[in-house]
C-alpha atoms as a PDB file:
ATOM      1  CA  MET A   1     -69.138 -61.737  42.084  1.00  0.00           C
ATOM      2  CA  VAL A   2     -68.523 -59.606  46.022  1.00  0.00           C
ATOM      3  CA  LYS A   3     -66.139 -62.302  47.121  1.00  0.00           C
ATOM      4  CA  ARG A   4     -64.256 -61.814  43.734  1.00  0.00           C
ATOM      5  CA  PHE A   5     -64.007 -57.797  44.474  1.00  0.00           C
ATOM      6  CA  LYS A   6     -62.994 -58.612  48.424  1.00  0.00           C
ATOM      7  CA  ARG A   7     -59.908 -60.601  46.986  1.00  0.00           C
ATOM      8  CA  THR A   8     -58.613 -57.862  44.034  1.00  0.00           C
ATOM      9  CA  MET A   9     -59.075 -55.165  46.875  1.00  0.00           C
ATOM     10  CA  ALA A  10     -56.859 -57.024  49.428  1.00  0.00           C
ATOM     11  CA  SER A  11     -54.357 -57.733  46.913  1.00  0.00           C
ATOM     12  CA  ILE A  12     -54.559 -53.964  46.167  1.00  0.00           C
ATOM     13  CA  VAL A  13     -54.161 -52.969  49.599  1.00  0.00           C
ATOM     14  CA  ALA A  14     -51.306 -55.725  50.473  1.00  0.00           C
ATOM     15  CA  ALA A  15     -49.324 -54.279  46.995  1.00  0.00           C
ATOM     16  CA  ALA A  16     -49.915 -50.429  48.044  1.00  0.00           C
ATOM     17  CA  LEU A  17     -48.682 -51.670  52.104  1.00  0.00           C
ATOM     18  CA  MET A  18     -45.686 -53.648  50.496  1.00  0.00           C
ATOM     19  CA  GLY A  19     -44.767 -50.919  48.074  1.00  0.00           C
ATOM     20  CA  ALA A  20     -44.750 -48.508  50.617  1.00  0.00           C
ATOM     21  CA  HIS A  21     -42.907 -50.612  52.945  1.00  0.00           C
ATOM     22  CA  ALA A  22     -40.162 -51.287  50.158  1.00  0.00           C
ATOM     23  CA  THR A  23     -39.434 -47.357  49.555  1.00  0.00           C
ATOM     24  CA  THR A  24     -39.375 -46.457  52.947  1.00  0.00           C
ATOM     25  CA  ILE A  25     -35.672 -44.336  53.901  1.00  0.00           C
ATOM     26  CA  PRO A  26     -35.112 -44.479  57.324  1.00  0.00           C
ATOM     27  CA  PHE A  27     -34.338 -41.149  58.812  1.00  0.00           C
ATOM     28  CA  THR A  28     -31.914 -40.480  61.708  1.00  0.00           C
ATOM     29  CA  THR A  29     -31.131 -37.706  63.295  1.00  0.00           C
ATOM     30  CA  ASP A  30     -27.707 -38.906  64.988  1.00  0.00           C
ATOM     31  CA  SER A  31     -25.309 -36.417  65.171  1.00  0.00           C
ATOM     32  CA  THR A  32     -22.484 -39.497  65.647  1.00  0.00           C
ATOM     33  CA  MET A  33     -20.872 -39.022  62.069  1.00  0.00           C
ATOM     34  CA  PRO A  34     -18.895 -36.244  61.805  1.00  0.00           C
ATOM     35  CA  GLU A  35     -19.251 -33.584  59.164  1.00  0.00           C
ATOM     36  CA  VAL A  36     -16.636 -33.616  56.660  1.00  0.00           C
ATOM     37  CA  GLU A  37     -14.983 -30.562  55.144  1.00  0.00           C
ATOM     38  CA  ILE A  38     -14.974 -29.994  51.804  1.00  0.00           C
ATOM     39  CA  ARG A  39     -11.837 -27.948  51.500  1.00  0.00           C
ATOM     40  CA  HIS A  40     -11.604 -28.235  47.236  1.00  0.00           C
ATOM     41  CA  ASN A  41     -13.653 -29.576  44.270  1.00  0.00           C
ATOM     42  CA  VAL A  42     -14.496 -33.108  45.054  1.00  0.00           C
ATOM     43  CA  GLU A  43     -12.477 -34.538  42.769  1.00  0.00           C
ATOM     44  CA  HIS A  44      -9.729 -34.115  44.587  1.00  0.00           C
ATOM     45  CA  TYR A  45     -11.182 -36.554  47.112  1.00  0.00           C
ATOM     46  CA  TYR A  46     -11.340 -40.477  46.597  1.00  0.00           C
ATOM     47  CA  ALA A  47     -12.421 -43.291  48.595  1.00  0.00           C
ATOM     48  CA  THR A  48     -10.038 -46.650  49.568  1.00  0.00           C
ATOM     49  CA  THR A  49      -9.421 -49.466  52.131  1.00  0.00           C
ATOM     50  CA  PHE A  50      -7.167 -49.815  54.366  1.00  0.00           C
ATOM     51  CA  LYS A  51      -6.273 -53.154  56.706  1.00  0.00           C
ATOM     52  CA  ILE A  52      -4.805 -52.290  60.079  1.00  0.00           C
ATOM     53  CA  THR A  53      -1.170 -53.977  60.021  1.00  0.00           C
ATOM     54  CA  ASP A  54      -0.006 -52.847  63.348  1.00  0.00           C
ATOM     55  CA  LEU A  55      -0.730 -50.711  66.162  1.00  0.00           C
ATOM     56  CA  GLU A  56       1.551 -48.753  68.196  1.00  0.00           C
ATOM     57  CA  TYR A  57       0.266 -48.217  71.597  1.00  0.00           C
ATOM     58  CA  GLU A  58       2.550 -45.816  73.196  1.00  0.00           C
ATOM     59  CA  THR A  59       2.417 -43.215  70.136  1.00  0.00           C
ATOM     60  CA  ASP A  60      -1.274 -43.865  70.147  1.00  0.00           C
ATOM     61  CA  THR A  61      -0.614 -44.799  66.832  1.00  0.00           C
ATOM     62  CA  ILE A  62      -2.141 -46.884  63.776  1.00  0.00           C
ATOM     63  CA  ILE A  63      -0.424 -48.292  61.018  1.00  0.00           C
ATOM     64  CA  PHE A  64      -2.125 -49.289  57.759  1.00  0.00           C
ATOM     65  CA  THR A  65      -1.247 -50.862  54.328  1.00  0.00           C
ATOM     66  CA  ASP A  66      -3.230 -50.526  51.289  1.00  0.00           C
ATOM     67  CA  ALA A  67      -3.782 -52.502  48.433  1.00  0.00           C
ATOM     68  CA  ASN A  68      -0.700 -51.230  46.941  1.00  0.00           C
ATOM     69  CA  GLY A  69       1.327 -51.509  49.797  1.00  0.00           C
ATOM     70  CA  ASN A  70       1.547 -47.952  50.785  1.00  0.00           C
ATOM     71  CA  ILE A  71       1.952 -47.977  54.587  1.00  0.00           C
ATOM     72  CA  TRP A  72      -0.274 -45.117  56.398  1.00  0.00           C
ATOM     73  CA  GLU A  73      -0.657 -43.748  59.810  1.00  0.00           C
ATOM     74  CA  TYR A  74      -2.672 -41.952  61.691  1.00  0.00           C
ATOM     75  CA  GLU A  75      -2.945 -41.276  65.384  1.00  0.00           C
ATOM     76  CA  GLY A  76      -6.034 -42.382  67.424  1.00  0.00           C
ATOM     77  CA  ILE A  77      -5.715 -46.001  68.412  1.00  0.00           C
ATOM     78  CA  GLU A  78      -9.213 -45.582  70.474  1.00  0.00           C
ATOM     79  CA  ASP A  79     -10.830 -49.338  69.678  1.00  0.00           C
ATOM     80  CA  TRP A  80      -9.249 -49.790  66.300  1.00  0.00           C
ATOM     81  CA  GLU A  81      -8.089 -53.550  66.555  1.00  0.00           C
ATOM     82  CA  LEU A  82      -5.326 -55.320  64.227  1.00  0.00           C
ATOM     83  CA  ASN A  83      -6.431 -56.812  60.834  1.00  0.00           C
ATOM     84  CA  ASP A  84      -9.497 -54.246  60.724  1.00  0.00           C
ATOM     85  CA  THR A  85     -10.123 -53.176  57.420  1.00  0.00           C
ATOM     86  CA  VAL A  86     -11.287 -49.466  57.086  1.00  0.00           C
ATOM     87  CA  SER A  87     -12.773 -47.521  54.270  1.00  0.00           C
ATOM     88  CA  VAL A  88     -11.391 -43.954  54.150  1.00  0.00           C
ATOM     89  CA  LEU A  89     -12.138 -40.910  52.569  1.00  0.00           C
ATOM     90  CA  MET A  90      -8.725 -39.579  51.249  1.00  0.00           C
ATOM     91  CA  PHE A  91      -7.696 -35.720  49.985  1.00  0.00           C
ATOM     92  CA  ASP A  92      -5.110 -35.782  47.226  1.00  0.00           C
ATOM     93  CA  ASN A  93      -4.135 -31.902  47.797  1.00  0.00           C
ATOM     94  CA  GLY A  94      -4.471 -31.330  44.112  1.00  0.00           C
ATOM     95  CA  THR A  95      -1.641 -33.117  43.314  1.00  0.00           C
ATOM     96  CA  THR A  96      -1.147 -36.435  41.746  1.00  0.00           C
ATOM     97  CA  ASN A  97       1.970 -37.647  44.047  1.00  0.00           C
ATOM     98  CA  ILE A  98      -0.005 -39.885  47.011  1.00  0.00           C
ATOM     99  CA  TYR A  99       2.973 -39.023  48.943  1.00  0.00           C
ATOM    100  CA  ASP A 100       1.370 -35.913  50.362  1.00  0.00           C
ATOM    101  CA  ASP A 101      -2.878 -37.151  50.424  1.00  0.00           C
ATOM    102  CA  GLU A 102      -4.676 -36.640  53.896  1.00  0.00           C
ATOM    103  CA  ILE A 103      -6.643 -38.866  55.386  1.00  0.00           C
ATOM    104  CA  VAL A 104     -10.191 -37.327  55.616  1.00  0.00           C
ATOM    105  CA  SER A 105     -12.406 -39.824  57.688  1.00  0.00           C
ATOM    106  CA  MET A 106     -12.432 -43.357  58.604  1.00  0.00           C
ATOM    107  CA  ARG A 107     -15.241 -46.065  59.213  1.00  0.00           C
ATOM    108  CA  TYR A 108     -14.928 -49.458  60.132  1.00  0.00           C
ATOM    109  CA  SER A 109     -15.650 -52.159  57.675  1.00  0.00           C
ATOM    110  CA  SER A 110     -14.515 -55.489  58.908  1.00  0.00           C
ATOM    111  CA  TRP A 111     -12.032 -57.656  60.683  1.00  0.00           C
ATOM    112  CA  ARG A 112     -10.353 -60.823  59.502  1.00  0.00           C
ATOM    113  CA  VAL A 113      -9.228 -63.317  61.756  1.00  0.00           C
ATOM    114  CA  ASP A 114      -5.143 -64.208  60.180  1.00  0.00           C
END
């Protein structure tokens, strides 16, 4: 009887510890993530993915291509490399025309060797 009780208690403690570990949410105070200024309704923002197709070092410009073949530019090469995939938050300026959309935020996503 005591052996069964100890085994049951050990199982309960182990389950509680595993459950506590699974529900732990990491918290960081890292200030490297810039705040994104929300200028209008969130419905005017969308996420997309670009592939870096060219780097113009003379003008410090990154050339991206999206899945539809549209070409975008952004200043600030920093440590971006050719063929990097970039996750981008875009602002549509409240219009349906994509040619006036602005890049709000970029994050490195992956790289590929062609």
